[in-house]
Structures are given as structure tokens and as C-alpha cells.
N, C-alpha and C. Protein backbone atom coordinates (compact mmCIF):
# COMPACT_ATOMS: atom_id res chain seq x y z
N MET A 1 165.86 220.51 136.86
CA MET A 1 165.52 220.81 135.50
C MET A 1 165.68 222.29 135.22
N LYS A 2 165.39 223.12 136.21
CA LYS A 2 165.54 224.55 136.01
C LYS A 2 167.00 224.93 136.20
N GLU A 3 167.53 225.64 135.23
CA GLU A 3 168.89 226.12 135.37
C GLU A 3 168.94 227.54 134.83
N ASN A 4 169.98 228.24 135.17
CA ASN A 4 170.12 229.61 134.75
C ASN A 4 170.52 229.65 133.29
N ILE A 5 169.61 230.07 132.42
CA ILE A 5 169.91 230.09 130.99
C ILE A 5 170.54 231.41 130.55
N SER A 6 170.68 232.35 131.47
CA SER A 6 171.28 233.62 131.09
C SER A 6 172.75 233.46 130.72
N SER A 7 173.37 232.35 131.14
CA SER A 7 174.77 232.13 130.81
C SER A 7 174.95 231.41 129.46
N VAL A 8 173.84 231.09 128.80
CA VAL A 8 173.87 230.42 127.50
C VAL A 8 173.80 231.49 126.41
N SER A 9 174.74 231.42 125.47
CA SER A 9 174.77 232.42 124.41
C SER A 9 173.70 232.13 123.36
N THR A 10 173.33 233.15 122.62
CA THR A 10 172.35 233.01 121.55
C THR A 10 172.83 232.00 120.52
N SER A 11 174.12 232.03 120.19
CA SER A 11 174.65 231.10 119.20
C SER A 11 174.55 229.65 119.69
N GLU A 12 174.73 229.42 120.99
CA GLU A 12 174.59 228.07 121.54
C GLU A 12 173.15 227.58 121.45
N ILE A 13 172.20 228.48 121.68
CA ILE A 13 170.79 228.12 121.58
C ILE A 13 170.44 227.77 120.14
N ILE A 14 170.91 228.59 119.20
CA ILE A 14 170.64 228.33 117.79
C ILE A 14 171.26 227.01 117.35
N GLU A 15 172.48 226.74 117.78
CA GLU A 15 173.14 225.47 117.45
C GLU A 15 172.35 224.28 118.01
N ALA A 16 171.88 224.41 119.24
CA ALA A 16 171.12 223.32 119.86
C ALA A 16 169.79 223.09 119.13
N LEU A 17 169.09 224.17 118.78
CA LEU A 17 167.84 224.03 118.04
C LEU A 17 168.06 223.41 116.67
N ASP A 18 169.12 223.84 115.97
CA ASP A 18 169.45 223.26 114.67
C ASP A 18 169.75 221.77 114.80
N SER A 19 170.51 221.40 115.81
CA SER A 19 170.86 220.00 116.03
C SER A 19 169.62 219.15 116.30
N LEU A 20 168.75 219.63 117.16
CA LEU A 20 167.51 218.90 117.46
C LEU A 20 166.63 218.78 116.22
N SER A 21 166.59 219.83 115.43
CA SER A 21 165.78 219.81 114.20
C SER A 21 166.34 218.82 113.18
N ARG A 22 167.66 218.80 113.02
CA ARG A 22 168.30 217.86 112.08
C ARG A 22 168.00 216.41 112.45
N ARG A 23 167.88 216.16 113.75
CA ARG A 23 167.62 214.80 114.22
C ARG A 23 166.13 214.51 114.37
N SER A 24 165.31 215.43 113.87
CA SER A 24 163.84 215.29 113.89
C SER A 24 163.29 215.14 115.30
N LEU A 25 163.93 215.78 116.27
CA LEU A 25 163.44 215.73 117.65
C LEU A 25 162.54 216.91 117.96
N ILE A 26 162.62 217.96 117.15
CA ILE A 26 161.70 219.09 117.27
C ILE A 26 161.21 219.46 115.88
N GLU A 27 160.06 220.11 115.85
CA GLU A 27 159.53 220.66 114.61
C GLU A 27 159.61 222.17 114.70
N THR A 28 159.90 222.80 113.57
CA THR A 28 159.96 224.25 113.52
C THR A 28 158.85 224.75 112.62
N ILE A 29 158.05 225.66 113.14
CA ILE A 29 156.98 226.28 112.38
C ILE A 29 157.30 227.77 112.32
N THR A 30 157.39 228.31 111.11
CA THR A 30 157.65 229.73 110.95
C THR A 30 156.38 230.41 110.47
N GLU A 31 155.96 231.43 111.19
CA GLU A 31 154.75 232.16 110.85
C GLU A 31 155.05 233.63 110.67
N GLN A 32 154.43 234.22 109.68
CA GLN A 32 154.54 235.66 109.48
C GLN A 32 153.50 236.31 110.37
N ILE A 33 153.94 237.21 111.26
CA ILE A 33 152.99 237.81 112.20
C ILE A 33 152.64 239.25 111.86
N ASP A 34 153.35 239.85 110.91
CA ASP A 34 153.06 241.23 110.53
C ASP A 34 153.28 241.37 109.03
N ILE A 35 152.22 241.64 108.31
CA ILE A 35 152.30 241.74 106.85
C ILE A 35 153.14 242.94 106.41
N ILE A 36 153.01 244.05 107.11
CA ILE A 36 153.70 245.28 106.72
C ILE A 36 155.20 245.17 106.92
N THR A 37 155.63 244.73 108.09
CA THR A 37 157.07 244.64 108.37
C THR A 37 157.66 243.29 107.97
N GLU A 38 156.79 242.36 107.58
CA GLU A 38 157.20 241.00 107.22
C GLU A 38 157.95 240.31 108.36
N ARG A 39 157.62 240.69 109.58
CA ARG A 39 158.23 240.08 110.75
C ARG A 39 157.72 238.66 110.92
N LYS A 40 158.63 237.74 111.21
CA LYS A 40 158.28 236.33 111.36
C LYS A 40 158.67 235.85 112.74
N VAL A 41 158.02 234.80 113.16
CA VAL A 41 158.32 234.18 114.44
C VAL A 41 158.47 232.68 114.21
N ALA A 42 159.41 232.07 114.90
CA ALA A 42 159.60 230.62 114.82
C ALA A 42 159.04 229.99 116.08
N ILE A 43 158.29 228.93 115.88
CA ILE A 43 157.71 228.19 116.99
C ILE A 43 158.31 226.79 116.95
N TYR A 44 158.82 226.34 118.09
CA TYR A 44 159.44 225.02 118.18
C TYR A 44 158.56 224.12 119.03
N THR A 45 158.29 222.93 118.52
CA THR A 45 157.50 221.96 119.27
C THR A 45 158.23 220.62 119.28
N LEU A 46 158.02 219.86 120.35
CA LEU A 46 158.61 218.53 120.44
C LEU A 46 157.73 217.52 119.73
N GLN A 47 158.34 216.52 119.13
CA GLN A 47 157.58 215.41 118.58
C GLN A 47 156.85 214.74 119.75
N PRO A 48 155.64 214.22 119.55
CA PRO A 48 154.87 213.63 120.66
C PRO A 48 155.64 212.56 121.44
N VAL A 49 156.38 211.70 120.76
CA VAL A 49 157.10 210.65 121.48
C VAL A 49 158.22 211.25 122.33
N VAL A 50 158.84 212.31 121.87
CA VAL A 50 159.89 212.99 122.64
C VAL A 50 159.27 213.68 123.85
N MET A 51 158.12 214.32 123.66
CA MET A 51 157.42 214.98 124.77
C MET A 51 157.05 213.96 125.84
N LYS A 52 156.59 212.79 125.42
CA LYS A 52 156.23 211.74 126.38
C LYS A 52 157.46 211.30 127.17
N TYR A 53 158.58 211.12 126.47
CA TYR A 53 159.82 210.70 127.13
C TYR A 53 160.27 211.75 128.15
N VAL A 54 160.25 213.03 127.75
CA VAL A 54 160.70 214.11 128.65
C VAL A 54 159.78 214.19 129.86
N ARG A 55 158.48 214.08 129.64
CA ARG A 55 157.54 214.12 130.77
C ARG A 55 157.78 212.99 131.74
N ARG A 56 158.02 211.79 131.21
CA ARG A 56 158.30 210.65 132.10
C ARG A 56 159.64 210.82 132.80
N LEU A 57 160.64 211.32 132.07
CA LEU A 57 161.97 211.50 132.64
C LEU A 57 161.93 212.44 133.83
N TYR A 58 161.17 213.53 133.70
CA TYR A 58 161.11 214.54 134.76
C TYR A 58 159.88 214.41 135.65
N GLY A 59 159.06 213.38 135.42
CA GLY A 59 157.89 213.16 136.27
C GLY A 59 156.85 214.24 136.14
N ILE A 60 156.66 214.75 134.93
CA ILE A 60 155.72 215.84 134.70
C ILE A 60 154.49 215.29 133.99
N GLY A 61 153.31 215.60 134.54
CA GLY A 61 152.06 215.21 133.89
C GLY A 61 151.63 216.28 132.91
N ASN A 62 150.51 216.07 132.26
CA ASN A 62 150.01 217.03 131.29
C ASN A 62 149.70 218.38 131.90
N SER A 63 149.29 218.41 133.15
CA SER A 63 148.94 219.67 133.79
C SER A 63 150.13 220.31 134.50
N GLY A 64 151.31 219.69 134.38
CA GLY A 64 152.49 220.24 135.03
C GLY A 64 152.70 219.68 136.43
N SER A 65 151.77 218.85 136.90
CA SER A 65 151.91 218.25 138.22
C SER A 65 152.65 216.92 138.10
N GLU A 66 152.91 216.32 139.23
CA GLU A 66 153.61 215.04 139.22
C GLU A 66 152.79 214.00 138.48
N ASP A 67 153.45 213.22 137.64
CA ASP A 67 152.79 212.16 136.89
C ASP A 67 152.90 210.87 137.68
N THR A 68 151.74 210.36 138.13
CA THR A 68 151.76 209.14 138.94
C THR A 68 151.38 207.93 138.12
N SER A 69 151.02 208.11 136.85
CA SER A 69 150.65 206.97 136.01
C SER A 69 151.91 206.25 135.52
N THR A 70 151.75 204.97 135.21
CA THR A 70 152.88 204.19 134.70
C THR A 70 152.61 203.66 133.33
């Protein structure tokens, strides 16, 4: 699951996030974190059903340990 992401370009990451968002697989939350500079941050979260699928696919439990439940 871990791979070297330094070889992935910023444009590829943006394209992937846009694609996932269009297919409603992730949610994007944009928050303003600084009133003076109007700096914003985007937070990406997985839909609960997608998170469950990914956790089962990679055998990850809620605490990050192996998931032994079925």
C-alpha cells in the first residue's frame, strides 16, 4: 500500500482528487483558516462505505491494526 509518492506530479494528484470527487467517492470540505490573508485549506474525506471497503481491502482496522473481524 505504501509507495513513493514523490514521483507523482501535483497535476496528477489534482486530477485524481477531481475524478474521485466527481464520482462521489470523496467529499471536499474547504475551510478558511486565516481571515486576514483569506488562506483556505481543502480537506478530503472518504465516504463511509468507501472507507469500509478500503479498510477491508487492506486489512486495516479502525486503530490501524490488522482487522480480524468479518
